[in-house]
């Protein structure tokens, strides 16, 4: 039977024992076994709580994950269910959750699906640009490169390929101009050769072939123009200065190692003209013995009836004067292969 007592606000409190014979209050003897039992019980309950709360759910989650690879621990699922019920939130689509990127910078599946067609299109147009470049179809290569740029505007490969297209096109253009200049030079079309060299120097001021071609074609063009001027107007050789210049030009042309058919023909036509211009020719000059005659660049001949002169071919001006008569002026065209008989006398009275 238990000891009498009472219940107060703090709990159960037993009645005090009666005083002993010495009138001293007695204290209830409490064995230590009860406190130890309570502490052990509390420790065991705490261990069970930890086991239930932390160990068992984690072990169950690992076991379920091993089976399906997609399991979620029960406490987390409960928390999620409670949050969805309380907040009445709209559930996020399962596809978005699965495809969400794990790390920043790694595209999700949706982004990869969107990127793959663009990547394929980029690779295709880049392949077209490279093929066109290999075939030296630079316009087509640039068109394909523009399409690639619309897909990836800042791609470094586009910049590098554009530079290669520019370089290859420049090299091809210079090669074409060089071939054109060489062909024109072989045909002795010096103006066309000079034009090709000038275009090449605009593209590349240091092009070696263009610098060499410019000097050579320029000299040959000047020679050709001067020779044609003499051949078209051989009368220029009758002037001592023009004859001297023509002989110097002839000497220079003869020093050219490979003159070509055109220059050879020009020299062939020029040689007899120079020879004729240097050949002195006899002329007969008739007058009335009353007219005073002067021939420019020859001298004063005076009055005579018949005079023989030795002159080089050319055009000479003779002037006759006589008192009471109008002066007369005659052009004497002296030619190596012509009849050189002239009459000079004043016949018109004043």
Protein backbone atom coordinates (compact mmCIF):
# COMPACT_ATOMS: atom_id res chain seq x y z
CA UNK A 1 0.00 0.00 0.00
CA UNK A 2 1.39 3.42 -0.88
CA UNK A 3 2.15 6.18 1.46
CA UNK A 4 -0.47 8.85 2.06
CA UNK A 5 0.12 12.18 0.50
CA UNK A 6 -1.40 15.04 -1.41
CA UNK A 7 -1.41 16.53 -4.86
CA UNK A 8 -0.41 20.17 -5.21
CA UNK A 9 0.34 22.47 -8.18
CA UNK A 10 3.81 21.11 -8.61
CA UNK A 11 2.73 17.48 -8.58
CA UNK A 12 2.41 14.71 -6.03
CA UNK A 13 3.97 15.40 -2.63
CA UNK A 14 3.95 12.64 0.10
CA UNK A 15 3.08 13.45 3.70
CA UNK A 16 6.02 13.97 6.06
CA UNK A 17 6.86 11.16 8.46
CA UNK A 18 6.04 11.61 12.15
CA UNK A 19 8.83 12.70 14.43
CA UNK A 20 10.90 10.05 16.07
CA UNK A 21 11.34 9.53 19.79
CA UNK A 22 13.61 12.49 20.05
CA UNK A 23 10.96 14.65 18.52
CA UNK A 24 13.07 15.02 15.26
CA UNK A 25 11.40 14.84 11.91
CA UNK A 26 12.17 11.84 9.84
CA UNK A 27 13.35 12.06 6.24
CA UNK A 28 12.20 9.49 3.76
CA UNK A 29 15.00 7.34 2.60
CA UNK A 30 15.15 7.30 -1.20
CA UNK A 31 17.11 4.58 -2.86
CA UNK A 32 19.29 5.63 -5.77
CA UNK A 33 17.90 2.87 -8.00
CA UNK A 34 14.90 4.90 -9.06
CA UNK A 35 16.96 7.83 -10.46
CA UNK A 36 19.24 5.55 -12.46
CA UNK A 37 16.28 3.82 -13.95
CA UNK A 38 14.77 7.14 -15.02
CA UNK A 39 18.02 8.28 -16.66
CA UNK A 40 18.46 5.03 -18.54
CA UNK A 41 14.86 5.19 -19.70
CA UNK A 42 15.28 8.71 -20.97
CA UNK A 43 18.50 7.81 -22.85
CA UNK A 44 16.88 4.82 -24.46
CA UNK A 45 13.89 6.89 -25.55
CA UNK A 46 16.23 9.52 -27.02
CA UNK A 47 18.11 6.81 -28.92
CA UNK A 48 14.85 5.45 -30.34
CA UNK A 49 13.77 8.96 -31.37
CA UNK A 50 17.05 9.55 -33.21
CA UNK A 51 16.77 6.16 -34.85
CA UNK A 52 13.21 6.82 -36.02
CA UNK A 53 13.77 10.38 -37.16
CA UNK A 54 17.15 10.19 -38.89
CA UNK A 55 18.48 6.66 -39.40
CA UNK A 56 15.45 4.71 -40.59
CA UNK A 57 14.25 7.30 -43.19
CA UNK A 58 17.78 7.61 -44.62
CA UNK A 59 18.16 3.83 -44.81
CA UNK A 60 14.76 3.53 -46.49
CA UNK A 61 15.57 6.29 -48.96
CA UNK A 62 18.87 4.62 -49.91
CA UNK A 63 17.16 1.30 -50.34
CA UNK A 64 14.42 2.78 -52.52
CA UNK A 65 16.95 4.76 -54.55
CA UNK A 66 18.91 1.60 -55.22
CA UNK A 67 15.78 0.08 -56.70
CA UNK A 68 14.47 2.89 -58.88
CA UNK A 69 17.22 5.53 -58.93
CA UNK A 70 14.52 8.20 -58.52
CA UNK A 71 13.16 7.76 -54.94
CA UNK A 72 12.75 10.66 -52.52
CA UNK A 73 12.89 10.23 -48.71
CA UNK A 74 9.55 10.05 -46.96
CA UNK A 75 10.12 13.08 -44.70
CA UNK A 76 11.01 15.21 -47.69
CA UNK A 77 7.97 13.94 -49.57
CA UNK A 78 5.77 14.67 -46.58
CA UNK A 79 7.17 18.17 -46.29
CA UNK A 80 6.59 18.75 -49.99
CA UNK A 81 3.03 17.43 -49.80
CA UNK A 82 2.28 19.61 -46.81
CA UNK A 83 3.72 22.69 -48.51
CA UNK A 84 1.71 22.04 -51.65
CA UNK A 85 -1.50 21.56 -49.63
CA UNK A 86 -0.95 24.64 -47.47
CA UNK A 87 0.15 27.04 -50.18
CA UNK A 88 -2.06 25.47 -52.89
CA UNK A 89 0.80 26.14 -55.28
CA UNK A 90 0.64 25.16 -58.93
CA UNK A 91 2.78 22.07 -59.45
CA UNK A 92 5.77 22.61 -61.70
CA UNK A 93 5.79 20.47 -64.86
CA UNK A 94 7.75 17.29 -64.42
CA UNK A 95 9.60 17.85 -67.70
CA UNK A 96 10.90 21.22 -66.54
CA UNK A 97 12.15 19.72 -63.29
CA UNK A 98 13.92 16.89 -65.02
CA UNK A 99 15.44 19.09 -67.69
CA UNK A 100 16.51 21.89 -65.35
CA UNK A 101 20.25 22.57 -65.65
CA UNK A 102 22.37 21.26 -62.79
CA UNK A 103 25.24 23.74 -63.32
CA UNK A 104 25.15 27.22 -64.81
CA UNK A 105 26.50 27.26 -68.35
CA UNK A 106 25.45 23.66 -69.19
CA UNK A 107 22.46 23.77 -71.59
CA UNK A 108 19.34 21.87 -70.65
CA UNK A 109 17.80 19.24 -72.88
CA UNK A 110 15.35 21.76 -74.31
CA UNK A 111 18.17 24.18 -75.08
CA UNK A 112 20.17 21.38 -76.65
CA UNK A 113 17.20 20.47 -78.80
CA UNK A 114 16.96 24.06 -79.92
CA UNK A 115 20.72 24.35 -80.41
CA UNK A 116 21.25 21.13 -82.37
CA UNK A 117 19.42 22.28 -85.52
CA UNK A 118 21.29 25.59 -85.39
CA UNK A 119 24.58 23.77 -84.93
CA UNK A 120 23.82 21.50 -87.87
CA UNK A 121 22.89 24.49 -90.03
CA UNK A 122 26.05 26.28 -88.96
CA UNK A 123 28.23 23.29 -89.83
CA UNK A 124 26.48 22.94 -93.19
CA UNK A 125 26.97 26.53 -94.34
CA UNK A 126 30.54 26.55 -93.05
CA UNK A 127 31.21 23.45 -95.12
CA UNK A 128 29.76 25.20 -98.15
CA UNK A 129 32.00 28.22 -97.55
CA UNK A 130 35.12 26.06 -97.27
CA UNK A 131 34.23 24.12 -100.43
CA UNK A 132 33.61 27.31 -102.38
CA UNK A 133 36.93 28.71 -101.15
CA UNK A 134 38.76 25.60 -102.33
CA UNK A 135 37.10 26.01 -105.74
CA UNK A 136 38.11 29.71 -105.81
CA UNK A 137 34.45 30.78 -105.91
CA UNK A 138 34.89 33.67 -103.52
CA UNK A 139 31.45 35.25 -104.00
CA UNK A 140 29.73 31.98 -103.13
CA UNK A 141 32.07 31.49 -100.16
CA UNK A 142 31.21 34.91 -98.76
CA UNK A 143 27.48 34.27 -99.22
CA UNK A 144 27.74 31.02 -97.23
CA UNK A 145 29.82 32.79 -94.59
CA UNK A 146 27.13 35.47 -94.23
CA UNK A 147 24.60 32.73 -93.51
CA UNK A 148 26.92 31.27 -90.88
CA UNK A 149 27.34 34.72 -89.35
CA UNK A 150 23.57 35.08 -89.02
CA UNK A 151 23.57 31.90 -86.92
CA UNK A 152 26.66 32.67 -84.80
CA UNK A 153 27.58 36.35 -85.23
CA UNK A 154 30.58 36.31 -82.89
CA UNK A 155 32.14 32.97 -83.76
CA UNK A 156 35.93 33.20 -84.08
CA UNK A 157 35.98 30.64 -86.90
CA UNK A 158 33.94 32.99 -89.10
CA UNK A 159 36.50 35.77 -88.64
CA UNK A 160 39.39 33.45 -89.48
CA UNK A 161 37.67 32.04 -92.57
CA UNK A 162 36.77 35.54 -93.77
CA UNK A 163 40.44 36.49 -93.55
CA UNK A 164 41.41 33.39 -95.54
CA UNK A 165 38.87 34.27 -98.22
CA UNK A 166 40.28 37.80 -98.49
CA UNK A 167 43.85 36.53 -98.71
CA UNK A 168 43.06 33.86 -101.28
CA UNK A 169 41.03 36.26 -103.38
CA UNK A 170 43.83 38.84 -103.29
CA UNK A 171 46.40 36.24 -104.31
CA UNK A 172 44.17 34.98 -107.10
CA UNK A 173 43.53 38.50 -108.34
CA UNK A 174 47.24 39.34 -108.33
CA UNK A 175 48.02 36.12 -110.16
CA UNK A 176 45.41 36.90 -112.78
CA UNK A 177 46.80 40.41 -113.29
CA UNK A 178 50.31 39.03 -113.55
CA UNK A 179 49.22 36.57 -116.23
CA UNK A 180 47.39 39.36 -118.04
CA UNK A 181 50.43 41.63 -117.98
CA UNK A 182 52.72 38.85 -119.23
CA UNK A 183 50.34 37.99 -122.07
CA UNK A 184 49.99 41.63 -123.07
CA UNK A 185 53.77 42.05 -123.00
CA UNK A 186 54.23 39.02 -125.23
CA UNK A 187 51.78 40.55 -127.70
CA UNK A 188 53.57 43.94 -127.34
CA UNK A 189 50.37 45.57 -126.12
CA UNK A 190 52.22 47.77 -123.72
CA UNK A 191 49.33 49.97 -122.65
CA UNK A 192 47.29 46.94 -121.56
CA UNK A 193 50.30 45.49 -119.75
CA UNK A 194 50.84 48.80 -117.96
CA UNK A 195 47.17 48.97 -116.96
CA UNK A 196 47.35 45.47 -115.46
CA UNK A 197 50.44 46.43 -113.45
CA UNK A 198 48.76 49.59 -112.21
CA UNK A 199 45.74 47.60 -110.98
CA UNK A 200 48.02 45.14 -109.21
CA UNK A 201 49.86 47.97 -107.43
CA UNK A 202 46.54 49.33 -106.21
CA UNK A 203 45.80 45.95 -104.61
CA UNK A 204 49.34 45.42 -103.33
CA UNK A 205 51.81 48.34 -103.57
CA UNK A 206 54.73 45.98 -102.94
CA UNK A 207 53.90 43.40 -105.61
CA UNK A 208 57.28 42.63 -107.17
CA UNK A 209 56.00 41.63 -110.60
CA UNK A 210 53.91 44.78 -110.84
CA UNK A 211 56.87 47.04 -109.99
CA UNK A 212 59.06 45.32 -112.59
CA UNK A 213 56.28 45.29 -115.17
CA UNK A 214 55.55 48.97 -114.62
CA UNK A 215 59.13 49.99 -115.41
CA UNK A 216 59.58 47.70 -118.40
CA UNK A 217 56.13 48.29 -119.89
CA UNK A 218 56.50 52.04 -119.37
CA UNK A 219 59.75 52.17 -121.33
CA UNK A 220 58.45 49.99 -124.13
CA UNK A 221 55.24 51.99 -124.38
CA UNK A 222 57.19 55.25 -124.72
CA UNK A 223 59.41 53.69 -127.40
CA UNK A 224 56.41 52.39 -129.30
CA UNK A 225 54.65 55.76 -129.27
CA UNK A 226 57.71 57.66 -130.51
CA UNK A 227 58.44 55.17 -133.27
CA UNK A 228 54.86 55.27 -134.50
CA UNK A 229 54.96 59.06 -134.57
CA UNK A 230 58.04 59.02 -136.84
CA UNK A 231 56.67 56.32 -139.10
CA UNK A 232 53.37 58.13 -139.53
CA UNK A 233 55.11 61.46 -140.29
CA UNK A 234 58.48 60.72 -141.95
CA UNK A 235 58.82 64.41 -142.89
CA UNK A 236 59.90 65.02 -139.32
CA UNK A 237 63.21 63.39 -140.20
CA UNK A 238 64.01 66.28 -142.56
CA UNK A 239 64.65 68.45 -139.54
CA UNK A 240 68.22 68.03 -138.26
CA UNK A 241 67.04 67.87 -134.66
CA UNK A 242 64.32 65.32 -135.42
CA UNK A 243 66.73 63.24 -137.49
CA UNK A 244 69.24 63.16 -134.66
CA UNK A 245 66.55 62.11 -132.16
CA UNK A 246 65.33 59.39 -134.52
CA UNK A 247 68.81 57.94 -134.85
CA UNK A 248 69.21 57.84 -131.06
CA UNK A 249 65.83 56.11 -130.77
CA UNK A 250 66.87 53.59 -133.38
CA UNK A 251 70.09 52.84 -131.51
CA UNK A 252 68.20 52.24 -128.26
CA UNK A 253 65.65 49.96 -129.95
CA UNK A 254 68.43 47.84 -131.44
CA UNK A 255 69.80 47.09 -127.94
CA UNK A 256 66.59 45.31 -126.86
CA UNK A 257 67.28 41.58 -126.64
CA UNK A 258 63.81 40.32 -127.53
CA UNK A 259 62.20 43.07 -129.62
CA UNK A 260 59.16 41.12 -130.73
CA UNK A 261 57.44 41.24 -134.13
CA UNK A 262 55.98 44.72 -133.67
CA UNK A 263 59.24 46.42 -132.73
CA UNK A 264 61.14 44.51 -135.38
CA UNK A 265 58.68 45.75 -137.99
CA UNK A 266 58.98 49.31 -136.76
CA UNK A 267 62.76 49.18 -137.02
CA UNK A 268 62.51 47.67 -140.47
CA UNK A 269 60.42 50.62 -141.65
CA UNK A 270 62.46 53.23 -139.82
CA UNK A 271 65.88 52.32 -141.20
CA UNK A 272 65.23 53.37 -144.85
CA UNK A 273 63.58 56.57 -143.73
CA UNK A 274 66.65 57.56 -141.75
CA UNK A 275 68.88 56.55 -144.67
CA UNK A 276 66.89 58.70 -147.08
CA UNK A 277 66.90 61.61 -144.68
CA UNK A 278 70.69 61.45 -144.56
CA UNK A 279 71.19 61.06 -148.34
CA UNK A 280 72.16 64.30 -150.08
CA UNK A 281 70.22 64.97 -153.29
CA UNK A 282 70.98 67.20 -156.27
CA UNK A 283 68.42 69.86 -157.17
CA UNK A 284 68.16 72.31 -160.09
CA UNK A 285 67.02 75.86 -159.28
CA UNK A 286 66.00 78.16 -162.19
CA UNK A 287 65.46 81.97 -162.12
CA UNK A 288 65.39 85.03 -164.46
CA UNK A 289 68.74 86.48 -163.44
CA UNK A 290 66.92 89.53 -162.00
CA UNK A 291 65.43 88.04 -158.86
CA UNK A 292 67.49 87.94 -155.69
CA UNK A 293 66.94 84.50 -154.10
CA UNK A 294 67.38 83.34 -150.49
CA UNK A 295 66.76 79.80 -149.19
CA UNK A 296 66.12 79.58 -145.46
CA UNK A 297 68.62 77.42 -143.53
CA UNK A 298 70.76 77.25 -146.67
CA UNK A 299 71.80 80.80 -147.40
CA UNK A 300 71.60 83.72 -149.90
CA UNK A 301 72.03 82.57 -153.47
CA UNK A 302 71.77 85.95 -155.24
CA UNK A 303 70.70 86.36 -158.86
CA UNK A 304 71.13 83.62 -161.41
CA UNK A 305 69.42 81.83 -164.23
CA UNK A 306 70.28 78.24 -163.28
CA UNK A 307 71.86 76.91 -160.13
CA UNK A 308 72.65 73.38 -158.99
CA UNK A 309 72.51 72.57 -155.27
CA UNK A 310 73.18 69.50 -153.17
CA UNK A 311 70.69 69.27 -150.32
CA UNK A 312 69.38 66.65 -147.99
CA UNK A 313 65.75 65.62 -148.46
CA UNK A 314 63.38 67.94 -146.76
CA UNK A 315 61.20 70.99 -147.13
CA UNK A 316 62.96 74.27 -147.86
CA UNK A 317 61.54 77.76 -148.21
CA UNK A 318 62.94 79.97 -151.02
CA UNK A 319 62.18 83.73 -151.15
CA UNK A 320 62.75 85.88 -154.24
CA UNK A 321 62.73 89.67 -154.31
CA UNK A 322 63.06 92.25 -157.15
CA UNK A 323 62.67 95.99 -157.20
CA UNK A 324 59.25 97.04 -158.52
CA UNK A 325 57.89 93.54 -158.18
CA UNK A 326 56.02 91.69 -155.49
CA UNK A 327 58.15 89.22 -153.49
CA UNK A 328 57.64 85.56 -154.24
CA UNK A 329 57.83 82.62 -151.84
CA UNK A 330 58.21 78.97 -152.88
CA UNK A 331 58.26 75.71 -150.92
CA UNK A 332 60.94 73.35 -152.19
CA UNK A 333 60.13 69.73 -151.33
CA UNK A 334 63.39 67.94 -151.84
CA UNK A 335 63.05 64.16 -151.98
CA UNK A 336 65.63 61.48 -152.51
CA UNK A 337 63.50 59.66 -155.07
CA UNK A 338 61.79 62.63 -156.73
CA UNK A 339 62.34 65.22 -159.48
CA UNK A 340 63.96 68.12 -157.74
CA UNK A 341 63.66 70.95 -160.35
CA UNK A 342 62.34 74.29 -159.04
CA UNK A 343 61.82 77.81 -160.48
CA UNK A 344 61.93 80.99 -158.41
CA UNK A 345 61.43 84.48 -159.95
CA UNK A 346 59.39 87.63 -159.34
CA UNK A 347 56.83 88.25 -162.11
CA UNK A 348 54.07 90.42 -160.58
CA UNK A 349 54.70 94.18 -160.83
CA UNK A 350 53.70 96.46 -158.04
